[in-house]
C-alpha atoms as a PDB file:
ATOM      1  CA  UNK A   1       0.000   0.000   0.000  1.00  0.00           C
ATOM      2  CA  UNK A   2       1.284   3.433  -0.909  1.00  0.00           C
ATOM      3  CA  UNK A   3       2.399   5.592   2.036  1.00  0.00           C
ATOM      4  CA  UNK A   4      -0.083   8.465   2.275  1.00  0.00           C
ATOM      5  CA  UNK A   5       1.817  10.385   4.961  1.00  0.00           C
ATOM      6  CA  UNK A   6       3.006  13.230   2.637  1.00  0.00           C
ATOM      7  CA  UNK A   7      -0.528  13.583   1.240  1.00  0.00           C
ATOM      8  CA  UNK A   8      -1.948  13.838   4.749  1.00  0.00           C
ATOM      9  CA  UNK A   9       0.712  16.411   5.701  1.00  0.00           C
ATOM     10  CA  UNK A  10      -0.101  18.563   2.669  1.00  0.00           C
ATOM     11  CA  UNK A  11      -3.875  18.273   3.128  1.00  0.00           C
ATOM     12  CA  UNK A  12      -3.808  19.108   6.845  1.00  0.00           C
ATOM     13  CA  UNK A  13      -1.401  22.022   6.325  1.00  0.00           C
ATOM     14  CA  UNK A  14      -3.679  23.428   3.617  1.00  0.00           C
ATOM     15  CA  UNK A  15      -6.881  22.958   5.601  1.00  0.00           C
ATOM     16  CA  UNK A  16      -5.532  24.382   8.856  1.00  0.00           C
ATOM     17  CA  UNK A  17      -3.816  27.379   7.215  1.00  0.00           C
ATOM     18  CA  UNK A  18      -6.865  28.243   5.110  1.00  0.00           C
ATOM     19  CA  UNK A  19      -9.286  27.768   8.023  1.00  0.00           C
ATOM     20  CA  UNK A  20      -7.173  29.942  10.328  1.00  0.00           C
ATOM     21  CA  UNK A  21      -7.790  32.848   7.989  1.00  0.00           C
ATOM     22  CA  UNK A  22     -11.335  33.083   9.340  1.00  0.00           C
ATOM     23  CA  UNK A  23      -9.939  33.539  12.858  1.00  0.00           C
ATOM     24  CA  UNK A  24      -6.571  35.233  12.474  1.00  0.00           C
ATOM     25  CA  UNK A  25      -7.493  37.926   9.933  1.00  0.00           C
ATOM     26  CA  UNK A  26     -10.417  39.407  11.934  1.00  0.00           C
ATOM     27  CA  UNK A  27      -8.230  39.232  15.061  1.00  0.00           C
ATOM     28  CA  UNK A  28      -5.397  41.134  13.355  1.00  0.00           C
ATOM     29  CA  UNK A  29      -7.926  43.715  12.187  1.00  0.00           C
ATOM     30  CA  UNK A  30      -9.211  44.187  15.735  1.00  0.00           C
ATOM     31  CA  UNK A  31      -5.641  44.681  16.939  1.00  0.00           C
ATOM     32  CA  UNK A  32      -5.142  47.132  14.072  1.00  0.00           C
ATOM     33  CA  UNK A  33      -2.064  45.211  12.900  1.00  0.00           C
ATOM     34  CA  UNK A  34      -2.246  46.775   9.456  1.00  0.00           C
ATOM     35  CA  UNK A  35       0.530  47.113   6.904  1.00  0.00           C
ATOM     36  CA  UNK A  36       2.079  50.554   6.492  1.00  0.00           C
ATOM     37  CA  UNK A  37       2.885  51.243   2.842  1.00  0.00           C
ATOM     38  CA  UNK A  38       6.020  53.380   2.468  1.00  0.00           C
ATOM     39  CA  UNK A  39       6.091  56.311   0.058  1.00  0.00           C
ATOM     40  CA  UNK A  40       9.131  54.846  -1.731  1.00  0.00           C
ATOM     41  CA  UNK A  41       7.012  52.032  -3.179  1.00  0.00           C
ATOM     42  CA  UNK A  42       4.720  52.108  -6.233  1.00  0.00           C
ATOM     43  CA  UNK A  43       1.983  54.697  -5.667  1.00  0.00           C
ATOM     44  CA  UNK A  44      -0.818  52.222  -6.400  1.00  0.00           C
ATOM     45  CA  UNK A  45       0.327  50.131  -3.422  1.00  0.00           C
ATOM     46  CA  UNK A  46      -1.183  52.825  -1.201  1.00  0.00           C
ATOM     47  CA  UNK A  47      -4.530  51.096  -1.780  1.00  0.00           C
ATOM     48  CA  UNK A  48      -3.172  48.245   0.352  1.00  0.00           C
ATOM     49  CA  UNK A  49      -2.619  50.498   3.352  1.00  0.00           C
ATOM     50  CA  UNK A  50      -4.025  48.899   6.497  1.00  0.00           C
ATOM     51  CA  UNK A  51      -4.236  45.337   5.139  1.00  0.00           C
ATOM     52  CA  UNK A  52      -3.586  43.026   8.113  1.00  0.00           C
ATOM     53  CA  UNK A  53      -0.014  41.745   8.308  1.00  0.00           C
ATOM     54  CA  UNK A  54       1.797  39.040  10.322  1.00  0.00           C
ATOM     55  CA  UNK A  55      -0.493  36.467   8.690  1.00  0.00           C
ATOM     56  CA  UNK A  56       2.505  34.164   8.368  1.00  0.00           C
ATOM     57  CA  UNK A  57       1.425  32.824  11.767  1.00  0.00           C
ATOM     58  CA  UNK A  58      -1.290  30.924   9.879  1.00  0.00           C
ATOM     59  CA  UNK A  59       1.301  29.014   7.832  1.00  0.00           C
ATOM     60  CA  UNK A  60       3.460  28.293  10.862  1.00  0.00           C
ATOM     61  CA  UNK A  61       0.591  26.779  12.833  1.00  0.00           C
ATOM     62  CA  UNK A  62      -0.653  24.885   9.781  1.00  0.00           C
ATOM     63  CA  UNK A  63       2.745  23.367   9.056  1.00  0.00           C
ATOM     64  CA  UNK A  64       3.534  22.391  12.648  1.00  0.00           C
ATOM     65  CA  UNK A  65       0.133  20.815  13.227  1.00  0.00           C
ATOM     66  CA  UNK A  66       0.286  18.922   9.928  1.00  0.00           C
ATOM     67  CA  UNK A  67       3.733  17.500  10.710  1.00  0.00           C
ATOM     68  CA  UNK A  68       2.502  16.334  14.122  1.00  0.00           C
ATOM     69  CA  UNK A  69      -0.568  14.652  12.631  1.00  0.00           C
ATOM     70  CA  UNK A  70       1.504  13.110   9.833  1.00  0.00           C
ATOM     71  CA  UNK A  71       3.909  11.645  12.397  1.00  0.00           C
ATOM     72  CA  UNK A  72       1.036  10.216  14.463  1.00  0.00           C
ATOM     73  CA  UNK A  73      -0.473   8.632  11.351  1.00  0.00           C
ATOM     74  CA  UNK A  74       2.888   7.221  10.288  1.00  0.00           C
ATOM     75  CA  UNK A  75       3.560   5.781  13.740  1.00  0.00           C
ATOM     76  CA  UNK A  76       0.110   4.179  13.869  1.00  0.00           C
ATOM     77  CA  UNK A  77       0.505   2.658  10.400  1.00  0.00           C
ATOM     78  CA  UNK A  78       4.188   1.654  10.760  1.00  0.00           C
ATOM     79  CA  UNK A  79       5.089   4.129   8.025  1.00  0.00           C
ATOM     80  CA  UNK A  80       8.523   5.199   6.852  1.00  0.00           C
ATOM     81  CA  UNK A  81       8.297   8.705   8.306  1.00  0.00           C
ATOM     82  CA  UNK A  82       8.050   7.487  11.892  1.00  0.00           C
ATOM     83  CA  UNK A  83      10.686   4.791  11.348  1.00  0.00           C
ATOM     84  CA  UNK A  84      13.109   7.339   9.833  1.00  0.00           C
ATOM     85  CA  UNK A  85      12.757   9.510  12.908  1.00  0.00           C
ATOM     86  CA  UNK A  86      14.278   6.711  15.000  1.00  0.00           C
ATOM     87  CA  UNK A  87      17.568   7.482  13.257  1.00  0.00           C
ATOM     88  CA  UNK A  88      19.291  10.058  15.455  1.00  0.00           C
ATOM     89  CA  UNK A  89      20.919  11.941  12.577  1.00  0.00           C
ATOM     90  CA  UNK A  90      17.782  12.230  10.455  1.00  0.00           C
ATOM     91  CA  UNK A  91      15.779  13.265  13.514  1.00  0.00           C
ATOM     92  CA  UNK A  92      18.332  15.959  14.367  1.00  0.00           C
ATOM     93  CA  UNK A  93      18.356  17.316  10.797  1.00  0.00           C
ATOM     94  CA  UNK A  94      14.553  17.312  10.708  1.00  0.00           C
ATOM     95  CA  UNK A  95      13.979  19.009  14.057  1.00  0.00           C
ATOM     96  CA  UNK A  96      16.863  21.484  13.771  1.00  0.00           C
ATOM     97  CA  UNK A  97      15.557  22.596  10.373  1.00  0.00           C
ATOM     98  CA  UNK A  98      12.127  23.342  11.809  1.00  0.00           C
ATOM     99  CA  UNK A  99      13.697  25.032  14.854  1.00  0.00           C
ATOM    100  CA  UNK A 100      15.858  27.217  12.615  1.00  0.00           C
ATOM    101  CA  UNK A 101      12.837  28.275  10.544  1.00  0.00           C
ATOM    102  CA  UNK A 102      10.900  29.089  13.723  1.00  0.00           C
ATOM    103  CA  UNK A 103      13.788  31.195  15.016  1.00  0.00           C
ATOM    104  CA  UNK A 104      13.886  33.079  11.720  1.00  0.00           C
ATOM    105  CA  UNK A 105      10.127  33.595  12.055  1.00  0.00           C
ATOM    106  CA  UNK A 106      10.673  34.951  15.580  1.00  0.00           C
ATOM    107  CA  UNK A 107      13.126  37.517  14.198  1.00  0.00           C
ATOM    108  CA  UNK A 108      10.549  38.438  11.581  1.00  0.00           C
ATOM    109  CA  UNK A 109       7.879  38.711  14.272  1.00  0.00           C
ATOM    110  CA  UNK A 110      10.037  41.136  16.247  1.00  0.00           C
ATOM    111  CA  UNK A 111      10.525  43.180  13.086  1.00  0.00           C
ATOM    112  CA  UNK A 112       6.783  43.210  12.346  1.00  0.00           C
ATOM    113  CA  UNK A 113       5.909  44.026  15.954  1.00  0.00           C
ATOM    114  CA  UNK A 114       8.208  47.044  15.996  1.00  0.00           C
ATOM    115  CA  UNK A 115       6.782  48.267  12.688  1.00  0.00           C
ATOM    116  CA  UNK A 116       3.123  47.740  13.531  1.00  0.00           C
ATOM    117  CA  UNK A 117       2.878  48.240  17.298  1.00  0.00           C
ATOM    118  CA  UNK A 118       5.795  50.557  17.984  1.00  0.00           C
ATOM    119  CA  UNK A 119       5.100  52.476  14.748  1.00  0.00           C
ATOM    120  CA  UNK A 120       8.740  52.360  13.605  1.00  0.00           C
ATOM    121  CA  UNK A 121       8.382  51.754   9.868  1.00  0.00           C
ATOM    122  CA  UNK A 122      11.829  50.230   9.397  1.00  0.00           C
ATOM    123  CA  UNK A 123      11.498  47.708  12.248  1.00  0.00           C
ATOM    124  CA  UNK A 124      14.724  46.157  13.482  1.00  0.00           C
ATOM    125  CA  UNK A 125      17.890  47.899  12.356  1.00  0.00           C
ATOM    126  CA  UNK A 126      19.930  46.202   9.640  1.00  0.00           C
ATOM    127  CA  UNK A 127      22.671  45.371  12.152  1.00  0.00           C
ATOM    128  CA  UNK A 128      20.239  43.884  14.649  1.00  0.00           C
ATOM    129  CA  UNK A 129      18.562  41.731  12.031  1.00  0.00           C
ATOM    130  CA  UNK A 130      21.859  40.609  10.507  1.00  0.00           C
ATOM    131  CA  UNK A 131      23.321  39.668  13.886  1.00  0.00           C
ATOM    132  CA  UNK A 132      20.268  37.625  14.872  1.00  0.00           C
ATOM    133  CA  UNK A 133      20.011  35.884  11.505  1.00  0.00           C
ATOM    134  CA  UNK A 134      23.696  34.952  11.478  1.00  0.00           C
ATOM    135  CA  UNK A 135      23.413  33.715  15.069  1.00  0.00           C
ATOM    136  CA  UNK A 136      20.493  31.454  14.175  1.00  0.00           C
ATOM    137  CA  UNK A 137      22.257  30.256  10.999  1.00  0.00           C
ATOM    138  CA  UNK A 138      25.436  29.446  12.934  1.00  0.00           C
ATOM    139  CA  UNK A 139      23.488  27.585  15.616  1.00  0.00           C
ATOM    140  CA  UNK A 140      21.733  25.522  12.933  1.00  0.00           C
ATOM    141  CA  UNK A 141      25.013  24.598  11.258  1.00  0.00           C
ATOM    142  CA  UNK A 142      26.560  23.766  14.637  1.00  0.00           C
ATOM    143  CA  UNK A 143      23.653  21.395  15.274  1.00  0.00           C
ATOM    144  CA  UNK A 144      24.201  19.674  11.930  1.00  0.00           C
ATOM    145  CA  UNK A 145      27.927  19.362  12.639  1.00  0.00           C
ATOM    146  CA  UNK A 146      27.420  17.940  16.136  1.00  0.00           C
ATOM    147  CA  UNK A 147      24.766  15.563  14.816  1.00  0.00           C
ATOM    148  CA  UNK A 148      27.288  14.040  12.409  1.00  0.00           C
ATOM    149  CA  UNK A 149      27.027  15.839   9.075  1.00  0.00           C
ATOM    150  CA  UNK A 150      30.249  14.871   7.313  1.00  0.00           C
ATOM    151  CA  UNK A 151      29.567  15.318   3.597  1.00  0.00           C
ATOM    152  CA  UNK A 152      27.607  17.365   1.097  1.00  0.00           C
ATOM    153  CA  UNK A 153      26.791  16.229  -2.419  1.00  0.00           C
ATOM    154  CA  UNK A 154      27.484  18.356  -5.498  1.00  0.00           C
ATOM    155  CA  UNK A 155      26.238  17.208  -8.939  1.00  0.00           C
ATOM    156  CA  UNK A 156      28.974  15.968 -11.314  1.00  0.00           C
ATOM    157  CA  UNK A 157      31.472  15.999  -8.420  1.00  0.00           C
ATOM    158  CA  UNK A 158      29.947  13.708  -5.810  1.00  0.00           C
ATOM    159  CA  UNK A 159      30.265  13.655  -2.039  1.00  0.00           C
ATOM    160  CA  UNK A 160      32.558  16.287  -0.542  1.00  0.00           C
ATOM    161  CA  UNK A 161      34.167  15.663   2.840  1.00  0.00           C
ATOM    162  CA  UNK A 162      33.413  18.756   4.946  1.00  0.00           C
ATOM    163  CA  UNK A 163      35.327  17.668   8.044  1.00  0.00           C
ATOM    164  CA  UNK A 164      38.808  18.719   6.935  1.00  0.00           C
ATOM    165  CA  UNK A 165      40.998  20.357   4.307  1.00  0.00           C
ATOM    166  CA  UNK A 166      39.297  22.488   1.675  1.00  0.00           C
ATOM    167  CA  UNK A 167      36.003  20.909   2.686  1.00  0.00           C
ATOM    168  CA  UNK A 168      35.953  23.090   5.775  1.00  0.00           C
ATOM    169  CA  UNK A 169      35.110  26.019   3.501  1.00  0.00           C
ATOM    170  CA  UNK A 170      31.642  24.498   3.329  1.00  0.00           C
ATOM    171  CA  UNK A 171      30.738  25.891   6.749  1.00  0.00           C
ATOM    172  CA  UNK A 172      31.354  29.640   6.159  1.00  0.00           C
ATOM    173  CA  UNK A 173      29.856  29.347   2.679  1.00  0.00           C
ATOM    174  CA  UNK A 174      26.824  27.579   4.161  1.00  0.00           C
ATOM    175  CA  UNK A 175      26.477  30.336   6.760  1.00  0.00           C
ATOM    176  CA  UNK A 176      26.207  33.002   4.076  1.00  0.00           C
ATOM    177  CA  UNK A 177      24.017  30.694   1.982  1.00  0.00           C
ATOM    178  CA  UNK A 178      21.436  30.430   4.783  1.00  0.00           C
ATOM    179  CA  UNK A 179      21.592  34.123   5.576  1.00  0.00           C
ATOM    180  CA  UNK A 180      21.351  35.076   1.913  1.00  0.00           C
ATOM    181  CA  UNK A 181      18.420  32.865   0.961  1.00  0.00           C
ATOM    182  CA  UNK A 182      16.425  33.735   4.063  1.00  0.00           C
ATOM    183  CA  UNK A 183      16.675  37.416   3.183  1.00  0.00           C
ATOM    184  CA  UNK A 184      16.077  36.735  -0.500  1.00  0.00           C
ATOM    185  CA  UNK A 185      12.721  35.107   0.279  1.00  0.00           C
ATOM    186  CA  UNK A 186      11.937  38.136   2.434  1.00  0.00           C
ATOM    187  CA  UNK A 187      12.664  40.433  -0.539  1.00  0.00           C
ATOM    188  CA  UNK A 188      10.439  38.314  -2.796  1.00  0.00           C
ATOM    189  CA  UNK A 189       7.446  39.060  -0.585  1.00  0.00           C
ATOM    190  CA  UNK A 190       6.501  42.361  -2.204  1.00  0.00           C
ATOM    191  CA  UNK A 191       3.274  41.808  -4.130  1.00  0.00           C
ATOM    192  CA  UNK A 192       0.133  39.764  -3.555  1.00  0.00           C
ATOM    193  CA  UNK A 193       0.746  36.035  -3.724  1.00  0.00           C
ATOM    194  CA  UNK A 194       4.325  36.160  -5.027  1.00  0.00           C
ATOM    195  CA  UNK A 195       6.407  34.703  -2.190  1.00  0.00           C
ATOM    196  CA  UNK A 196       3.816  32.067  -1.306  1.00  0.00           C
ATOM    197  CA  UNK A 197       3.363  30.926  -4.927  1.00  0.00           C
ATOM    198  CA  UNK A 198       7.086  30.811  -5.702  1.00  0.00           C
ATOM    199  CA  UNK A 199       7.718  28.910  -2.467  1.00  0.00           C
ATOM    200  CA  UNK A 200       4.929  26.476  -3.360  1.00  0.00           C
ATOM    201  CA  UNK A 201       6.814  25.611  -6.552  1.00  0.00           C
ATOM    202  CA  UNK A 202      10.098  25.245  -4.641  1.00  0.00           C
ATOM    203  CA  UNK A 203       8.442  23.029  -2.016  1.00  0.00           C
ATOM    204  CA  UNK A 204       7.029  20.755  -4.727  1.00  0.00           C
ATOM    205  CA  UNK A 205      10.502  20.518  -6.232  1.00  0.00           C
ATOM    206  CA  UNK A 206      11.975  19.320  -2.948  1.00  0.00           C
ATOM    207  CA  UNK A 207       9.105  16.879  -2.559  1.00  0.00           C
ATOM    208  CA  UNK A 208      10.300  15.286  -5.791  1.00  0.00           C
ATOM    209  CA  UNK A 209      13.988  15.559  -4.828  1.00  0.00           C
ATOM    210  CA  UNK A 210      13.435  13.891  -1.464  1.00  0.00           C
ATOM    211  CA  UNK A 211      11.378  11.218  -3.210  1.00  0.00           C
ATOM    212  CA  UNK A 212      14.298  10.400  -5.508  1.00  0.00           C
ATOM    213  CA  UNK A 213      16.554  10.270  -2.428  1.00  0.00           C
ATOM    214  CA  UNK A 214      14.145   8.100  -0.390  1.00  0.00           C
ATOM    215  CA  UNK A 215      14.074  10.711   2.375  1.00  0.00           C
ATOM    216  CA  UNK A 216      10.552  10.501   3.773  1.00  0.00           C
ATOM    217  CA  UNK A 217      11.138  13.047   6.533  1.00  0.00           C
ATOM    218  CA  UNK A 218      12.015  15.837   4.117  1.00  0.00           C
ATOM    219  CA  UNK A 219       9.303  14.622   1.754  1.00  0.00           C
ATOM    220  CA  UNK A 220       6.712  15.116   4.488  1.00  0.00           C
ATOM    221  CA  UNK A 221       8.177  18.476   5.499  1.00  0.00           C
ATOM    222  CA  UNK A 222       8.174  19.694   1.886  1.00  0.00           C
ATOM    223  CA  UNK A 223       4.592  18.493   1.447  1.00  0.00           C
ATOM    224  CA  UNK A 224       3.517  20.334   4.597  1.00  0.00           C
ATOM    225  CA  UNK A 225       5.249  23.482   3.351  1.00  0.00           C
ATOM    226  CA  UNK A 226       3.492  23.212  -0.011  1.00  0.00           C
ATOM    227  CA  UNK A 227       0.109  22.707   1.647  1.00  0.00           C
ATOM    228  CA  UNK A 228       0.637  25.670   3.973  1.00  0.00           C
ATOM    229  CA  UNK A 229       1.548  27.877   0.993  1.00  0.00           C
ATOM    230  CA  UNK A 230      -1.638  26.904  -0.883  1.00  0.00           C
ATOM    231  CA  UNK A 231      -3.702  27.559   2.241  1.00  0.00           C
ATOM    232  CA  UNK A 232      -2.154  31.000   2.565  1.00  0.00           C
ATOM    233  CA  UNK A 233      -2.629  31.801  -1.140  1.00  0.00           C
ATOM    234  CA  UNK A 234      -6.380  31.460  -0.525  1.00  0.00           C
ATOM    235  CA  UNK A 235      -6.126  34.694   1.472  1.00  0.00           C
ATOM    236  CA  UNK A 236      -3.036  36.285  -0.081  1.00  0.00           C
ATOM    237  CA  UNK A 237      -3.845  36.096  -3.808  1.00  0.00           C
ATOM    238  CA  UNK A 238      -4.726  39.473  -5.318  1.00  0.00           C
ATOM    239  CA  UNK A 239      -6.497  41.291  -3.819  1.00  0.00           C
ATOM    240  CA  UNK A 240      -4.763  40.146  -0.639  1.00  0.00           C
ATOM    241  CA  UNK A 241      -6.881  39.930   2.511  1.00  0.00           C
ATOM    242  CA  UNK A 242      -3.727  39.490   4.605  1.00  0.00           C
ATOM    243  CA  UNK A 243       0.040  39.806   4.228  1.00  0.00           C
ATOM    244  CA  UNK A 244       2.471  37.282   5.669  1.00  0.00           C
ATOM    245  CA  UNK A 245       4.804  39.991   6.994  1.00  0.00           C
ATOM    246  CA  UNK A 246       8.414  39.311   7.873  1.00  0.00           C
ATOM    247  CA  UNK A 247       7.052  36.673  10.272  1.00  0.00           C
ATOM    248  CA  UNK A 248       5.923  34.585   7.323  1.00  0.00           C
ATOM    249  CA  UNK A 249       8.550  35.423   4.721  1.00  0.00           C
ATOM    250  CA  UNK A 250      11.450  34.671   7.057  1.00  0.00           C
ATOM    251  CA  UNK A 251       9.751  31.437   8.111  1.00  0.00           C
ATOM    252  CA  UNK A 252       9.452  30.453   4.455  1.00  0.00           C
ATOM    253  CA  UNK A 253      13.101  31.378   3.931  1.00  0.00           C
ATOM    254  CA  UNK A 254      14.121  29.195   6.842  1.00  0.00           C
ATOM    255  CA  UNK A 255      11.980  26.327   5.592  1.00  0.00           C
ATOM    256  CA  UNK A 256      13.353  26.251   2.037  1.00  0.00           C
ATOM    257  CA  UNK A 257      16.855  26.250   3.510  1.00  0.00           C
ATOM    258  CA  UNK A 258      15.870  23.468   5.930  1.00  0.00           C
ATOM    259  CA  UNK A 259      14.507  21.155   3.228  1.00  0.00           C
ATOM    260  CA  UNK A 260      17.516  21.819   0.982  1.00  0.00           C
ATOM    261  CA  UNK A 261      19.984  20.925   3.741  1.00  0.00           C
ATOM    262  CA  UNK A 262      17.766  18.042   4.749  1.00  0.00           C
ATOM    263  CA  UNK A 263      18.296  16.402   1.357  1.00  0.00           C
ATOM    264  CA  UNK A 264      22.061  16.642   1.852  1.00  0.00           C
ATOM    265  CA  UNK A 265      22.195  18.695  -1.340  1.00  0.00           C
ATOM    266  CA  UNK A 266      21.709  22.365  -0.437  1.00  0.00           C
ATOM    267  CA  UNK A 267      23.327  23.268  -3.776  1.00  0.00           C
ATOM    268  CA  UNK A 268      20.012  22.324  -5.415  1.00  0.00           C
ATOM    269  CA  UNK A 269      18.477  25.477  -3.952  1.00  0.00           C
ATOM    270  CA  UNK A 270      20.736  27.609  -6.164  1.00  0.00           C
ATOM    271  CA  UNK A 271      18.637  26.533  -9.153  1.00  0.00           C
ATOM    272  CA  UNK A 272      15.315  25.819  -7.439  1.00  0.00           C
ATOM    273  CA  UNK A 273      15.538  29.209  -5.720  1.00  0.00           C
ATOM    274  CA  UNK A 274      16.504  31.096  -8.867  1.00  0.00           C
ATOM    275  CA  UNK A 275      13.713  33.645  -8.348  1.00  0.00           C
ATOM    276  CA  UNK A 276      14.862  34.392  -4.807  1.00  0.00           C
ATOM    277  CA  UNK A 277      18.421  34.753  -6.101  1.00  0.00           C
ATOM    278  CA  UNK A 278      17.452  37.168  -8.882  1.00  0.00           C
ATOM    279  CA  UNK A 279      15.345  39.261  -6.513  1.00  0.00           C
ATOM    280  CA  UNK A 280      18.249  39.636  -4.076  1.00  0.00           C
ATOM    281  CA  UNK A 281      20.790  40.211  -6.861  1.00  0.00           C
ATOM    282  CA  UNK A 282      18.699  42.985  -8.398  1.00  0.00           C
ATOM    283  CA  UNK A 283      18.548  44.742  -5.037  1.00  0.00           C
ATOM    284  CA  UNK A 284      22.314  44.433  -4.500  1.00  0.00           C
ATOM    285  CA  UNK A 285      23.102  45.683  -8.008  1.00  0.00           C
ATOM    286  CA  UNK A 286      20.695  48.611  -7.671  1.00  0.00           C
ATOM    287  CA  UNK A 287      22.158  49.788  -4.363  1.00  0.00           C
ATOM    288  CA  UNK A 288      25.789  49.358  -5.437  1.00  0.00           C
ATOM    289  CA  UNK A 289      25.281  51.072  -8.804  1.00  0.00           C
ATOM    290  CA  UNK A 290      23.356  53.963  -7.267  1.00  0.00           C
ATOM    291  CA  UNK A 291      26.060  54.564  -4.659  1.00  0.00           C
ATOM    292  CA  UNK A 292      28.686  54.813  -7.393  1.00  0.00           C
ATOM    293  CA  UNK A 293      26.774  56.739 -10.057  1.00  0.00           C
ATOM    294  CA  UNK A 294      23.634  58.166  -8.418  1.00  0.00           C
ATOM    295  CA  UNK A 295      21.762  56.433 -11.248  1.00  0.00           C
ATOM    296  CA  UNK A 296      19.515  53.360 -11.293  1.00  0.00           C
ATOM    297  CA  UNK A 297      19.712  50.273 -13.483  1.00  0.00           C
ATOM    298  CA  UNK A 298      16.206  49.108 -12.599  1.00  0.00           C
ATOM    299  CA  UNK A 299      13.172  51.362 -12.379  1.00  0.00           C
ATOM    300  CA  UNK A 300      12.790  50.013  -8.857  1.00  0.00           C
ATOM    301  CA  UNK A 301      14.267  47.143  -6.886  1.00  0.00           C
ATOM    302  CA  UNK A 302      13.821  44.330  -6.096  1.00  0.00           C
ATOM    303  CA  UNK A 303      13.059  42.892  -9.523  1.00  0.00           C
ATOM    304  CA  UNK A 304       9.297  42.392  -9.189  1.00  0.00           C
ATOM    305  CA  UNK A 305       8.863  46.130  -8.589  1.00  0.00           C
ATOM    306  CA  UNK A 306      10.826  46.872 -11.766  1.00  0.00           C
ATOM    307  CA  UNK A 307       8.304  44.888 -13.797  1.00  0.00           C
ATOM    308  CA  UNK A 308       5.450  46.583 -11.932  1.00  0.00           C
ATOM    309  CA  UNK A 309       6.863  49.948 -12.969  1.00  0.00           C
ATOM    310  CA  UNK A 310       7.060  48.623 -16.544  1.00  0.00           C
ATOM    311  CA  UNK A 311       3.299  48.087 -16.471  1.00  0.00           C
ATOM    312  CA  UNK A 312       3.041  44.388 -15.646  1.00  0.00           C
ATOM    313  CA  UNK A 313       0.077  43.392 -13.489  1.00  0.00           C
ATOM    314  CA  UNK A 314       0.734  41.638 -10.203  1.00  0.00           C
ATOM    315  CA  UNK A 315      -0.949  38.503 -11.562  1.00  0.00           C
ATOM    316  CA  UNK A 316       1.392  38.456 -14.578  1.00  0.00           C
ATOM    317  CA  UNK A 317       4.461  38.875 -12.364  1.00  0.00           C
ATOM    318  CA  UNK A 318       3.382  36.016 -10.112  1.00  0.00           C
ATOM    319  CA  UNK A 319       2.755  33.781 -13.132  1.00  0.00           C
ATOM    320  CA  UNK A 320       6.020  34.592 -14.927  1.00  0.00           C
ATOM    321  CA  UNK A 321       8.153  34.379 -11.786  1.00  0.00           C
ATOM    322  CA  UNK A 322       6.532  31.043 -10.898  1.00  0.00           C
ATOM    323  CA  UNK A 323       7.273  29.679 -14.374  1.00  0.00           C
ATOM    324  CA  UNK A 324      10.895  30.831 -14.082  1.00  0.00           C
ATOM    325  CA  UNK A 325      11.042  29.099 -10.687  1.00  0.00           C
ATOM    326  CA  UNK A 326       9.574  25.922 -12.200  1.00  0.00           C
ATOM    327  CA  UNK A 327      12.272  25.971 -14.889  1.00  0.00           C
ATOM    328  CA  UNK A 328      14.963  26.373 -12.245  1.00  0.00           C
ATOM    329  CA  UNK A 329      13.438  23.547 -10.218  1.00  0.00           C
ATOM    330  CA  UNK A 330      13.465  21.283 -13.274  1.00  0.00           C
ATOM    331  CA  UNK A 331      17.169  21.984 -13.767  1.00  0.00           C
ATOM    332  CA  UNK A 332      17.821  21.245 -10.084  1.00  0.00           C
ATOM    333  CA  UNK A 333      16.129  17.843 -10.440  1.00  0.00           C
ATOM    334  CA  UNK A 334      18.070  16.740 -13.539  1.00  0.00           C
ATOM    335  CA  UNK A 335      21.094  15.416 -11.562  1.00  0.00           C
ATOM    336  CA  UNK A 336      18.743  13.260  -9.505  1.00  0.00           C
ATOM    337  CA  UNK A 337      16.726  12.061 -12.494  1.00  0.00           C
ATOM    338  CA  UNK A 338      19.837  11.013 -14.434  1.00  0.00           C
ATOM    339  CA  UNK A 339      21.929  10.117 -11.380  1.00  0.00           C
ATOM    340  CA  UNK A 340      24.705  12.604 -12.232  1.00  0.00           C
END
């Protein structure tokens, strides 16, 4: 009989996240936790002023509850997910990934809270946020190291020993990798439905990757992430009834990093997360070029705002960026499909 644990995880995550919208959104409205739209953004975004934010809590609860239910089902049916969690290393990778994503969400929550409640539009300072994110990233990597992570796999090259020699470079590179992608997902969350839809595609990609690698734990986690994203899209698709805020976007960033490291092939995220990468790169290029020349390469950064300023609708941007993500995900899966 086919193991239905990933299906259950996805279904529960979707149902819980979508259902929570009926509770969380009115509650956020009563608390007056509305989004403040800065003047530096597109002028038509002013129509979104006051839309409830911090809705990422819905996805967090949906994902955590779905993983718990999926584990209970797997344990009751002698499924692979529960049996995998008896392996100390796989359990450590699984739990530390979730813990890291939750810590990133906590940083995002602090940022949102300062913006919304304390009325400081910029939230945490750049230094504060960077310090906390790097601290969480380092703690996550330390957990992986202590748990026994000794190799990482790179297509066409194979397993790389990361316990000595040049392999030790993996750890500082991984630190910046986690920090970079977490912030890149945060930058992607700029228009209705974009970050959640792109992350849905990435989550489905890692569902397939973990399937090829016979890693049921990451398969279930990816399925739960995909289900939570669909549940949130119900409320976040244009016109958005709620925004995920930094609480949600940093949680999503932590989760895509967690599933990529969980497969033992974080390099796959370079292609699967191509949209995140381009969004962050456009922002870096814009800032650096403007500092040198006082001119702009893009009409506005990050990249999705450039296309908005070019006249693209939000729906078109979400569709095109999702298709680009799907293409990147396909490329990331090729080494697994052909065993390269």
